[in-house]
N, C-alpha and C. Protein backbone atom coordinates (compact mmCIF):
# COMPACT_ATOMS: atom_id res chain seq x y z
N MET A 1 -10.33 -26.69 13.18
CA MET A 1 -10.94 -25.49 12.65
C MET A 1 -10.18 -24.25 13.14
N ARG A 2 -9.80 -24.26 14.45
CA ARG A 2 -9.09 -23.14 14.97
C ARG A 2 -7.73 -22.92 14.29
N ALA A 3 -7.06 -24.04 13.94
CA ALA A 3 -5.78 -23.90 13.19
C ALA A 3 -5.96 -23.29 11.85
N ILE A 4 -7.04 -23.59 11.17
CA ILE A 4 -7.32 -23.03 9.84
C ILE A 4 -7.53 -21.56 9.99
N LEU A 5 -8.35 -21.13 10.97
CA LEU A 5 -8.61 -19.73 11.14
C LEU A 5 -7.32 -18.94 11.46
N GLU A 6 -6.44 -19.51 12.29
CA GLU A 6 -5.20 -18.88 12.64
C GLU A 6 -4.28 -18.77 11.39
N GLN A 7 -4.28 -19.76 10.56
CA GLN A 7 -3.51 -19.72 9.30
C GLN A 7 -4.05 -18.67 8.38
N LEU A 8 -5.33 -18.49 8.28
CA LEU A 8 -6.00 -17.48 7.48
C LEU A 8 -5.63 -16.07 8.02
N ARG A 9 -5.60 -15.94 9.33
CA ARG A 9 -5.19 -14.63 9.94
C ARG A 9 -3.77 -14.28 9.61
N ARG A 10 -2.89 -15.25 9.68
CA ARG A 10 -1.47 -14.99 9.35
C ARG A 10 -1.35 -14.66 7.89
N TRP A 11 -2.10 -15.33 7.04
CA TRP A 11 -2.03 -15.07 5.59
C TRP A 11 -2.54 -13.63 5.30
N ALA A 12 -3.68 -13.21 5.94
CA ALA A 12 -4.18 -11.88 5.75
C ALA A 12 -3.21 -10.83 6.22
N LYS A 13 -2.55 -11.09 7.34
CA LYS A 13 -1.59 -10.11 7.88
C LYS A 13 -0.39 -10.03 6.96
N SER A 14 0.02 -11.18 6.34
CA SER A 14 1.09 -11.14 5.38
C SER A 14 0.75 -10.33 4.16
N LEU A 15 -0.51 -10.50 3.69
CA LEU A 15 -0.95 -9.73 2.49
C LEU A 15 -0.97 -8.22 2.83
N LYS A 16 -1.38 -7.88 4.03
CA LYS A 16 -1.43 -6.46 4.42
C LYS A 16 0.03 -5.90 4.47
N ARG A 17 0.91 -6.68 4.98
CA ARG A 17 2.33 -6.26 5.06
C ARG A 17 2.94 -6.12 3.65
N GLN A 18 2.66 -7.12 2.76
CA GLN A 18 3.20 -7.00 1.40
C GLN A 18 2.59 -5.85 0.65
N THR A 19 1.34 -5.51 0.94
CA THR A 19 0.74 -4.35 0.27
C THR A 19 1.46 -3.07 0.69
N MET A 20 1.77 -2.98 1.93
CA MET A 20 2.52 -1.78 2.35
C MET A 20 3.90 -1.77 1.81
N VAL A 21 4.54 -2.90 1.63
CA VAL A 21 5.87 -2.97 1.01
C VAL A 21 5.75 -2.42 -0.40
N LEU A 22 4.73 -2.85 -1.14
CA LEU A 22 4.49 -2.36 -2.48
C LEU A 22 4.16 -0.88 -2.53
N TRP A 23 3.51 -0.39 -1.50
CA TRP A 23 3.18 1.03 -1.37
C TRP A 23 4.52 1.85 -1.35
N PHE A 24 5.43 1.38 -0.52
CA PHE A 24 6.71 2.09 -0.36
C PHE A 24 7.55 1.85 -1.66
N CYS A 25 7.45 0.66 -2.28
CA CYS A 25 8.18 0.39 -3.56
C CYS A 25 7.72 1.34 -4.62
N TYR A 26 6.41 1.56 -4.68
CA TYR A 26 5.85 2.49 -5.72
C TYR A 26 6.42 3.89 -5.52
N GLN A 27 6.64 4.28 -4.33
CA GLN A 27 7.19 5.63 -4.06
C GLN A 27 8.68 5.76 -4.20
N HIS A 28 9.34 4.60 -4.19
CA HIS A 28 10.81 4.59 -4.25
C HIS A 28 11.30 5.09 -5.57
N PRO A 29 12.25 6.04 -5.64
CA PRO A 29 12.71 6.57 -6.93
C PRO A 29 13.49 5.59 -7.82
N GLN A 30 13.99 4.50 -7.26
CA GLN A 30 14.76 3.53 -8.12
C GLN A 30 13.89 2.36 -8.59
N THR A 31 12.61 2.40 -8.38
CA THR A 31 11.75 1.33 -8.84
C THR A 31 11.55 1.49 -10.41
N PRO A 32 11.85 0.43 -11.17
CA PRO A 32 11.59 0.50 -12.61
C PRO A 32 10.12 0.65 -12.90
N TRP A 33 9.79 1.08 -14.14
CA TRP A 33 8.44 1.45 -14.47
C TRP A 33 7.45 0.30 -14.43
N LEU A 34 7.82 -0.92 -14.86
CA LEU A 34 6.86 -2.05 -14.90
C LEU A 34 6.47 -2.49 -13.48
N PRO A 35 7.46 -2.76 -12.58
CA PRO A 35 7.00 -3.08 -11.20
C PRO A 35 6.27 -1.93 -10.49
N LYS A 36 6.65 -0.66 -10.89
CA LYS A 36 6.00 0.46 -10.31
C LYS A 36 4.52 0.53 -10.68
N TRP A 37 4.21 0.24 -11.96
CA TRP A 37 2.80 0.31 -12.37
C TRP A 37 2.03 -0.89 -11.81
N ILE A 38 2.63 -2.04 -11.80
CA ILE A 38 1.95 -3.21 -11.15
C ILE A 38 1.70 -2.92 -9.71
N SER A 39 2.69 -2.36 -9.02
CA SER A 39 2.52 -2.06 -7.59
C SER A 39 1.41 -1.01 -7.42
N ALA A 40 1.39 0.01 -8.25
CA ALA A 40 0.39 1.04 -8.21
C ALA A 40 -1.03 0.46 -8.36
N PHE A 41 -1.19 -0.43 -9.33
CA PHE A 41 -2.45 -1.10 -9.55
C PHE A 41 -2.89 -1.91 -8.36
N VAL A 42 -1.98 -2.74 -7.86
CA VAL A 42 -2.30 -3.62 -6.70
C VAL A 42 -2.62 -2.83 -5.49
N VAL A 43 -1.80 -1.82 -5.18
CA VAL A 43 -2.00 -1.04 -3.95
C VAL A 43 -3.25 -0.23 -4.07
N ALA A 44 -3.51 0.37 -5.25
CA ALA A 44 -4.74 1.17 -5.39
C ALA A 44 -5.96 0.28 -5.20
N TYR A 45 -5.93 -0.90 -5.70
CA TYR A 45 -7.09 -1.78 -5.56
C TYR A 45 -7.26 -2.23 -4.13
N VAL A 46 -6.14 -2.61 -3.48
CA VAL A 46 -6.24 -3.07 -2.05
C VAL A 46 -6.66 -1.93 -1.18
N LEU A 47 -6.21 -0.71 -1.41
CA LEU A 47 -6.51 0.39 -0.53
C LEU A 47 -7.85 1.04 -0.87
N SER A 48 -8.46 0.65 -1.92
CA SER A 48 -9.76 1.17 -2.32
C SER A 48 -10.84 0.64 -1.34
N PRO A 49 -11.68 1.53 -0.86
CA PRO A 49 -12.78 1.06 0.03
C PRO A 49 -13.85 0.29 -0.74
N ILE A 50 -13.82 0.22 -2.01
CA ILE A 50 -14.83 -0.48 -2.83
C ILE A 50 -14.15 -1.55 -3.63
N ASP A 51 -14.70 -2.79 -3.68
CA ASP A 51 -14.14 -3.87 -4.47
C ASP A 51 -14.71 -3.79 -5.88
N LEU A 52 -13.88 -4.17 -6.84
CA LEU A 52 -14.37 -4.25 -8.20
C LEU A 52 -15.41 -5.28 -8.37
N ILE A 53 -15.23 -6.42 -7.73
CA ILE A 53 -16.22 -7.49 -7.64
C ILE A 53 -16.67 -7.55 -6.20
N PRO A 54 -17.89 -7.04 -5.91
CA PRO A 54 -18.39 -7.00 -4.51
C PRO A 54 -18.39 -8.41 -3.90
N ASP A 55 -18.04 -8.47 -2.58
CA ASP A 55 -17.93 -9.77 -1.91
C ASP A 55 -19.24 -10.48 -1.73
N PHE A 56 -20.39 -9.79 -1.92
CA PHE A 56 -21.66 -10.50 -1.75
C PHE A 56 -22.03 -11.35 -3.03
N ILE A 57 -21.31 -11.19 -4.11
CA ILE A 57 -21.51 -12.03 -5.31
C ILE A 57 -20.86 -13.36 -5.03
N PRO A 58 -21.63 -14.48 -5.05
CA PRO A 58 -21.09 -15.77 -4.69
C PRO A 58 -19.87 -16.17 -5.54
N ILE A 59 -18.89 -16.66 -4.89
CA ILE A 59 -17.64 -17.16 -5.45
C ILE A 59 -16.80 -16.04 -6.12
N LEU A 60 -17.33 -15.35 -7.06
CA LEU A 60 -16.59 -14.30 -7.76
C LEU A 60 -16.25 -13.17 -6.80
N GLY A 61 -17.05 -12.93 -5.81
CA GLY A 61 -16.80 -11.85 -4.86
C GLY A 61 -15.49 -11.98 -4.11
N TYR A 62 -15.13 -13.22 -3.83
CA TYR A 62 -13.85 -13.49 -3.10
C TYR A 62 -12.72 -13.88 -4.08
N LEU A 63 -13.00 -14.07 -5.31
CA LEU A 63 -12.01 -14.47 -6.28
C LEU A 63 -10.87 -13.43 -6.35
N ASP A 64 -11.19 -12.12 -6.32
CA ASP A 64 -10.18 -11.12 -6.41
C ASP A 64 -9.35 -11.09 -5.14
N ASP A 65 -9.94 -11.34 -3.98
CA ASP A 65 -9.21 -11.30 -2.74
C ASP A 65 -8.30 -12.52 -2.56
N VAL A 66 -8.74 -13.66 -3.07
CA VAL A 66 -8.00 -14.92 -2.81
C VAL A 66 -7.04 -15.24 -3.93
N ILE A 67 -7.32 -14.88 -5.17
CA ILE A 67 -6.45 -15.26 -6.31
C ILE A 67 -5.76 -14.10 -6.95
N ILE A 68 -6.56 -13.06 -7.41
CA ILE A 68 -5.99 -12.00 -8.23
C ILE A 68 -5.04 -11.13 -7.44
N LEU A 69 -5.40 -10.67 -6.26
CA LEU A 69 -4.53 -9.80 -5.48
C LEU A 69 -3.21 -10.53 -5.07
N PRO A 70 -3.25 -11.78 -4.55
CA PRO A 70 -1.97 -12.36 -4.24
C PRO A 70 -1.06 -12.62 -5.42
N LEU A 71 -1.71 -12.85 -6.61
CA LEU A 71 -0.90 -13.02 -7.82
C LEU A 71 -0.28 -11.70 -8.26
N GLY A 72 -1.03 -10.59 -8.15
CA GLY A 72 -0.52 -9.28 -8.41
C GLY A 72 0.66 -8.90 -7.50
N ILE A 73 0.48 -9.19 -6.20
CA ILE A 73 1.53 -8.93 -5.21
C ILE A 73 2.78 -9.76 -5.59
N LEU A 74 2.59 -10.99 -5.86
CA LEU A 74 3.69 -11.91 -6.22
C LEU A 74 4.46 -11.42 -7.43
N LEU A 75 3.69 -11.05 -8.47
CA LEU A 75 4.31 -10.51 -9.68
C LEU A 75 5.11 -9.26 -9.46
N ALA A 76 4.56 -8.29 -8.73
CA ALA A 76 5.24 -7.07 -8.45
C ALA A 76 6.52 -7.30 -7.65
N ILE A 77 6.45 -8.21 -6.69
CA ILE A 77 7.61 -8.49 -5.83
C ILE A 77 8.66 -9.18 -6.64
N ARG A 78 8.30 -10.08 -7.50
CA ARG A 78 9.28 -10.77 -8.35
C ARG A 78 10.01 -9.85 -9.32
N LEU A 79 9.31 -8.85 -9.77
CA LEU A 79 9.92 -7.92 -10.75
C LEU A 79 10.73 -6.82 -10.05
N MET A 80 10.51 -6.67 -8.74
CA MET A 80 11.15 -5.55 -8.00
C MET A 80 12.63 -5.81 -7.82
N PRO A 81 13.51 -4.80 -8.02
CA PRO A 81 14.97 -5.01 -7.70
C PRO A 81 15.12 -5.31 -6.23
N SER A 82 16.05 -6.18 -5.91
CA SER A 82 16.23 -6.64 -4.54
C SER A 82 16.58 -5.50 -3.57
N HIS A 83 17.39 -4.56 -4.00
CA HIS A 83 17.76 -3.50 -3.07
C HIS A 83 16.57 -2.56 -2.71
N VAL A 84 15.69 -2.35 -3.75
CA VAL A 84 14.48 -1.58 -3.52
C VAL A 84 13.55 -2.32 -2.59
N LEU A 85 13.39 -3.59 -2.83
CA LEU A 85 12.49 -4.44 -2.05
C LEU A 85 12.92 -4.46 -0.58
N GLU A 86 14.23 -4.66 -0.36
CA GLU A 86 14.72 -4.73 1.02
C GLU A 86 14.53 -3.42 1.74
N ALA A 87 14.84 -2.28 1.10
CA ALA A 87 14.64 -0.99 1.72
C ALA A 87 13.17 -0.72 2.05
N CYS A 88 12.27 -1.15 1.17
CA CYS A 88 10.92 -0.96 1.44
C CYS A 88 10.32 -1.90 2.42
N ARG A 89 10.88 -3.08 2.55
CA ARG A 89 10.44 -3.99 3.64
C ARG A 89 10.82 -3.44 4.98
N LEU A 90 11.96 -2.79 5.07
CA LEU A 90 12.35 -2.11 6.32
C LEU A 90 11.37 -0.97 6.66
N LYS A 91 10.99 -0.20 5.65
CA LYS A 91 10.07 0.91 5.83
C LYS A 91 8.68 0.37 6.31
N ALA A 92 8.25 -0.71 5.62
CA ALA A 92 6.98 -1.29 5.98
C ALA A 92 6.99 -1.88 7.40
N SER A 93 8.07 -2.47 7.79
CA SER A 93 8.21 -3.00 9.18
C SER A 93 8.11 -1.88 10.19
N ALA A 94 8.84 -0.76 9.90
CA ALA A 94 8.72 0.40 10.81
C ALA A 94 7.29 0.98 10.85
N TRP A 95 6.67 1.02 9.69
CA TRP A 95 5.29 1.49 9.66
C TRP A 95 4.39 0.58 10.49
N GLU A 96 4.58 -0.70 10.40
CA GLU A 96 3.78 -1.63 11.14
C GLU A 96 4.00 -1.53 12.68
N LYS A 97 5.23 -1.25 13.05
CA LYS A 97 5.55 -1.16 14.50
C LYS A 97 4.95 0.12 15.05
N ASN A 98 4.81 1.19 14.23
CA ASN A 98 4.28 2.46 14.68
C ASN A 98 2.77 2.49 14.77
N HIS A 99 2.10 1.43 14.22
CA HIS A 99 0.66 1.35 14.19
C HIS A 99 -0.01 2.54 13.49
N VAL A 100 0.61 2.96 12.45
CA VAL A 100 0.08 4.06 11.63
C VAL A 100 -1.10 3.55 10.83
N LYS A 101 -2.17 4.36 10.74
CA LYS A 101 -3.36 3.91 10.02
C LYS A 101 -3.09 3.71 8.53
N ARG A 102 -3.66 2.67 7.98
CA ARG A 102 -3.46 2.40 6.54
C ARG A 102 -4.12 3.42 5.73
N PRO A 103 -3.45 3.89 4.65
CA PRO A 103 -4.03 4.88 3.77
C PRO A 103 -5.26 4.30 3.00
N VAL A 104 -6.10 5.18 2.55
CA VAL A 104 -7.26 4.76 1.74
C VAL A 104 -7.19 5.49 0.38
N ASN A 105 -7.50 4.75 -0.66
CA ASN A 105 -7.32 5.30 -1.99
C ASN A 105 -8.73 5.60 -2.54
N THR A 106 -9.13 6.87 -2.40
CA THR A 106 -10.46 7.27 -2.91
C THR A 106 -10.51 7.41 -4.41
N VAL A 107 -9.39 7.67 -5.04
CA VAL A 107 -9.34 7.72 -6.51
C VAL A 107 -9.66 6.35 -7.12
N ALA A 108 -9.06 5.32 -6.58
CA ALA A 108 -9.35 3.95 -7.04
C ALA A 108 -10.86 3.60 -6.84
N ALA A 109 -11.36 4.05 -5.66
CA ALA A 109 -12.76 3.81 -5.39
C ALA A 109 -13.64 4.48 -6.43
N ALA A 110 -13.35 5.74 -6.76
CA ALA A 110 -14.10 6.44 -7.75
C ALA A 110 -14.01 5.76 -9.16
N LEU A 111 -12.82 5.31 -9.45
CA LEU A 111 -12.64 4.58 -10.76
C LEU A 111 -13.44 3.31 -10.84
N ILE A 112 -13.51 2.57 -9.70
CA ILE A 112 -14.31 1.35 -9.68
C ILE A 112 -15.80 1.67 -9.82
N VAL A 113 -16.25 2.73 -9.16
CA VAL A 113 -17.65 3.17 -9.32
C VAL A 113 -17.92 3.49 -10.79
N LEU A 114 -16.98 4.20 -11.45
CA LEU A 114 -17.17 4.55 -12.84
C LEU A 114 -17.22 3.30 -13.76
N ILE A 115 -16.35 2.33 -13.43
CA ILE A 115 -16.41 1.04 -14.17
C ILE A 115 -17.75 0.41 -14.08
N TRP A 116 -18.25 0.32 -12.85
CA TRP A 116 -19.56 -0.31 -12.65
C TRP A 116 -20.65 0.48 -13.33
N LEU A 117 -20.60 1.78 -13.32
CA LEU A 117 -21.65 2.61 -14.02
C LEU A 117 -21.55 2.35 -15.51
N GLY A 118 -20.32 2.22 -16.03
CA GLY A 118 -20.20 1.90 -17.45
C GLY A 118 -20.75 0.54 -17.81
N VAL A 119 -20.54 -0.46 -16.93
CA VAL A 119 -21.10 -1.81 -17.19
C VAL A 119 -22.62 -1.75 -17.15
N VAL A 120 -23.17 -1.05 -16.17
CA VAL A 120 -24.63 -0.92 -16.10
C VAL A 120 -25.18 -0.22 -17.30
N ALA A 121 -24.51 0.88 -17.79
CA ALA A 121 -24.94 1.61 -18.92
C ALA A 121 -24.86 0.75 -20.21
N ALA A 122 -23.82 -0.07 -20.32
CA ALA A 122 -23.64 -0.97 -21.49
C ALA A 122 -24.73 -2.00 -21.51
N VAL A 123 -25.02 -2.62 -20.38
CA VAL A 123 -26.09 -3.60 -20.28
C VAL A 123 -27.44 -2.97 -20.63
N TRP A 124 -27.69 -1.79 -20.12
CA TRP A 124 -28.94 -1.09 -20.29
C TRP A 124 -29.11 -0.77 -21.79
N LEU A 125 -28.07 -0.30 -22.43
CA LEU A 125 -28.09 0.02 -23.85
C LEU A 125 -28.25 -1.21 -24.70
N ALA A 126 -27.56 -2.28 -24.31
CA ALA A 126 -27.75 -3.54 -25.04
C ALA A 126 -29.16 -4.09 -24.92
N TYR A 127 -29.76 -3.89 -23.80
CA TYR A 127 -31.14 -4.35 -23.53
C TYR A 127 -32.14 -3.56 -24.35
N ILE A 128 -31.91 -2.24 -24.44
CA ILE A 128 -32.84 -1.34 -25.22
C ILE A 128 -32.75 -1.60 -26.70
N TYR A 129 -31.55 -1.76 -27.18
CA TYR A 129 -31.39 -1.95 -28.64
C TYR A 129 -31.29 -3.35 -28.95
């Protein structure tokens, strides 16, 4: 059991590191538009203090954390030019060594709240009519 928990910790740390790599890739001027937009979406979602699918919802709550986010990270990294990726990995490594606090994306959080309000309004309207 202890080995499984340690493996999960390493995996979570790797995801955090990859998120910061994508953060720097998004800001890099030589990043092409497709990996830039995928990186922006993934980073905005990861750095949002609010999940699109709240974790208290059984199974689906962790689906985004376990499947969707790693796939988004993998896709963005695969599409990223190697020279941009390497430069941003070095920046992320320096960021990690300096123990700088991770940024928070309040715009993404507000967007997620608006999406949920839209879903609630749509359900409410469908129920009334």
